[in-house]
Amino acid sequence: MSFRNILDGAASMGAALVTTGVCGVPAWFTVQAVRADIAPVWAYAAAGVLAAIGAILTLAFGRKALAGVAPTRQRRR
């Protein structure tokens, strides 16, 4: 594995962490708002969809990180 692939894998791991934060934090706060009776109950659906999308993207970026593929590419360079 070349150094470029290691850097590409690190970039993909960073993208996975950012995706987790961008999707996970708002979903968690939405659930907390519904539990505190600030948001309507249907907001659970929005939080669930956001969490599912975040989980799918995080797994995709994690797979790319383990393979040493850059986040914007499909194969190794």
C-alpha atoms as a PDB file:
ATOM      1  CA  MET A   1       0.000   0.000   0.000  1.00  0.00           C
ATOM      2  CA  SER A   2       1.515   3.300  -1.055  1.00  0.00           C
ATOM      3  CA  PHE A   3       1.569   6.461   0.996  1.00  0.00           C
ATOM      4  CA  ARG A   4      -1.023   8.017  -1.335  1.00  0.00           C
ATOM      5  CA  ASN A   5      -3.474   5.226  -0.510  1.00  0.00           C
ATOM      6  CA  ILE A   6      -2.874   5.767   3.197  1.00  0.00           C
ATOM      7  CA  LEU A   7      -3.640   9.473   2.818  1.00  0.00           C
ATOM      8  CA  ASP A   8      -6.722   8.690   0.726  1.00  0.00           C
ATOM      9  CA  GLY A   9      -7.904   6.289   3.420  1.00  0.00           C
ATOM     10  CA  ALA A  10      -7.353   8.940   6.082  1.00  0.00           C
ATOM     11  CA  ALA A  11      -9.377  11.418   4.022  1.00  0.00           C
ATOM     12  CA  SER A  12     -12.197   8.891   3.752  1.00  0.00           C
ATOM     13  CA  MET A  13     -12.075   8.284   7.506  1.00  0.00           C
ATOM     14  CA  GLY A  14     -12.302  12.030   8.054  1.00  0.00           C
ATOM     15  CA  ALA A  15     -15.293  12.175   5.729  1.00  0.00           C
ATOM     16  CA  ALA A  16     -16.924   9.358   7.719  1.00  0.00           C
ATOM     17  CA  LEU A  17     -16.414  11.256  10.979  1.00  0.00           C
ATOM     18  CA  VAL A  18     -17.752  14.506   9.521  1.00  0.00           C
ATOM     19  CA  THR A  19     -20.777  12.677   8.116  1.00  0.00           C
ATOM     20  CA  THR A  20     -21.476  11.153  11.508  1.00  0.00           C
ATOM     21  CA  GLY A  21     -21.386  14.587  13.115  1.00  0.00           C
ATOM     22  CA  VAL A  22     -23.402  16.348  10.423  1.00  0.00           C
ATOM     23  CA  CYS A  23     -26.178  13.742  10.433  1.00  0.00           C
ATOM     24  CA  GLY A  24     -26.006  12.326  13.946  1.00  0.00           C
ATOM     25  CA  VAL A  25     -26.037  15.491  16.037  1.00  0.00           C
ATOM     26  CA  PRO A  26     -29.182  17.039  14.469  1.00  0.00           C
ATOM     27  CA  ALA A  27     -30.974  13.686  14.633  1.00  0.00           C
ATOM     28  CA  TRP A  28     -30.091  13.324  18.323  1.00  0.00           C
ATOM     29  CA  PHE A  29     -31.233  16.872  19.122  1.00  0.00           C
ATOM     30  CA  THR A  30     -34.470  16.284  17.224  1.00  0.00           C
ATOM     31  CA  VAL A  31     -35.204  13.215  19.338  1.00  0.00           C
ATOM     32  CA  GLN A  32     -34.426  15.194  22.494  1.00  0.00           C
ATOM     33  CA  ALA A  33     -36.750  17.995  21.351  1.00  0.00           C
ATOM     34  CA  VAL A  34     -39.600  15.540  20.775  1.00  0.00           C
ATOM     35  CA  ARG A  35     -39.050  13.984  24.200  1.00  0.00           C
ATOM     36  CA  ALA A  36     -39.146  17.443  25.785  1.00  0.00           C
ATOM     37  CA  ASP A  37     -42.425  18.245  23.962  1.00  0.00           C
ATOM     38  CA  ILE A  38     -40.800  21.055  21.986  1.00  0.00           C
ATOM     39  CA  ALA A  39     -41.181  19.377  18.580  1.00  0.00           C
ATOM     40  CA  PRO A  40     -44.164  17.384  17.270  1.00  0.00           C
ATOM     41  CA  VAL A  41     -44.129  13.591  17.353  1.00  0.00           C
ATOM     42  CA  TRP A  42     -43.848  13.331  13.545  1.00  0.00           C
ATOM     43  CA  ALA A  43     -40.327  14.770  13.862  1.00  0.00           C
ATOM     44  CA  TYR A  44     -39.224  11.267  14.907  1.00  0.00           C
ATOM     45  CA  ALA A  45     -39.653  10.288  11.246  1.00  0.00           C
ATOM     46  CA  ALA A  46     -37.385  13.101  10.080  1.00  0.00           C
ATOM     47  CA  ALA A  47     -34.783  12.173  12.700  1.00  0.00           C
ATOM     48  CA  GLY A  48     -34.954   8.522  11.680  1.00  0.00           C
ATOM     49  CA  VAL A  49     -34.496   9.313   7.991  1.00  0.00           C
ATOM     50  CA  LEU A  50     -31.566  11.633   8.733  1.00  0.00           C
ATOM     51  CA  ALA A  51     -29.948   9.015  10.977  1.00  0.00           C
ATOM     52  CA  ALA A  52     -30.405   6.299   8.325  1.00  0.00           C
ATOM     53  CA  ILE A  53     -28.856   8.440   5.602  1.00  0.00           C
ATOM     54  CA  GLY A  54     -25.978   9.295   7.926  1.00  0.00           C
ATOM     55  CA  ALA A  55     -25.415   5.642   8.776  1.00  0.00           C
ATOM     56  CA  ILE A  56     -25.371   4.616   5.107  1.00  0.00           C
ATOM     57  CA  LEU A  57     -22.904   7.354   4.176  1.00  0.00           C
ATOM     58  CA  THR A  58     -20.717   6.663   7.203  1.00  0.00           C
ATOM     59  CA  LEU A  59     -20.503   2.973   6.314  1.00  0.00           C
ATOM     60  CA  ALA A  60     -19.676   3.821   2.690  1.00  0.00           C
ATOM     61  CA  PHE A  61     -16.881   6.191   3.710  1.00  0.00           C
ATOM     62  CA  GLY A  62     -15.626   3.673   6.270  1.00  0.00           C
ATOM     63  CA  ARG A  63     -15.422   0.986   3.603  1.00  0.00           C
ATOM     64  CA  LYS A  64     -13.479   3.355   1.389  1.00  0.00           C
ATOM     65  CA  ALA A  65     -11.158   4.221   4.272  1.00  0.00           C
ATOM     66  CA  LEU A  66     -10.312   0.563   4.861  1.00  0.00           C
ATOM     67  CA  ALA A  67      -9.661   0.065   1.151  1.00  0.00           C
ATOM     68  CA  GLY A  68      -7.507   3.192   0.828  1.00  0.00           C
ATOM     69  CA  VAL A  69      -9.814   4.945  -1.620  1.00  0.00           C
ATOM     70  CA  ALA A  70     -10.310   8.728  -1.646  1.00  0.00           C
ATOM     71  CA  PRO A  71     -13.814   9.930  -0.704  1.00  0.00           C
ATOM     72  CA  THR A  72     -14.483  11.345  -4.176  1.00  0.00           C
ATOM     73  CA  ARG A  73     -13.190   8.340  -6.123  1.00  0.00           C
ATOM     74  CA  GLN A  74     -14.562   4.878  -6.817  1.00  0.00           C
ATOM     75  CA  ARG A  75     -11.233   3.045  -7.135  1.00  0.00           C
ATOM     76  CA  ARG A  76      -7.672   3.454  -5.962  1.00  0.00           C
ATOM     77  CA  ARG A  77      -5.379   5.770  -7.833  1.00  0.00           C
END
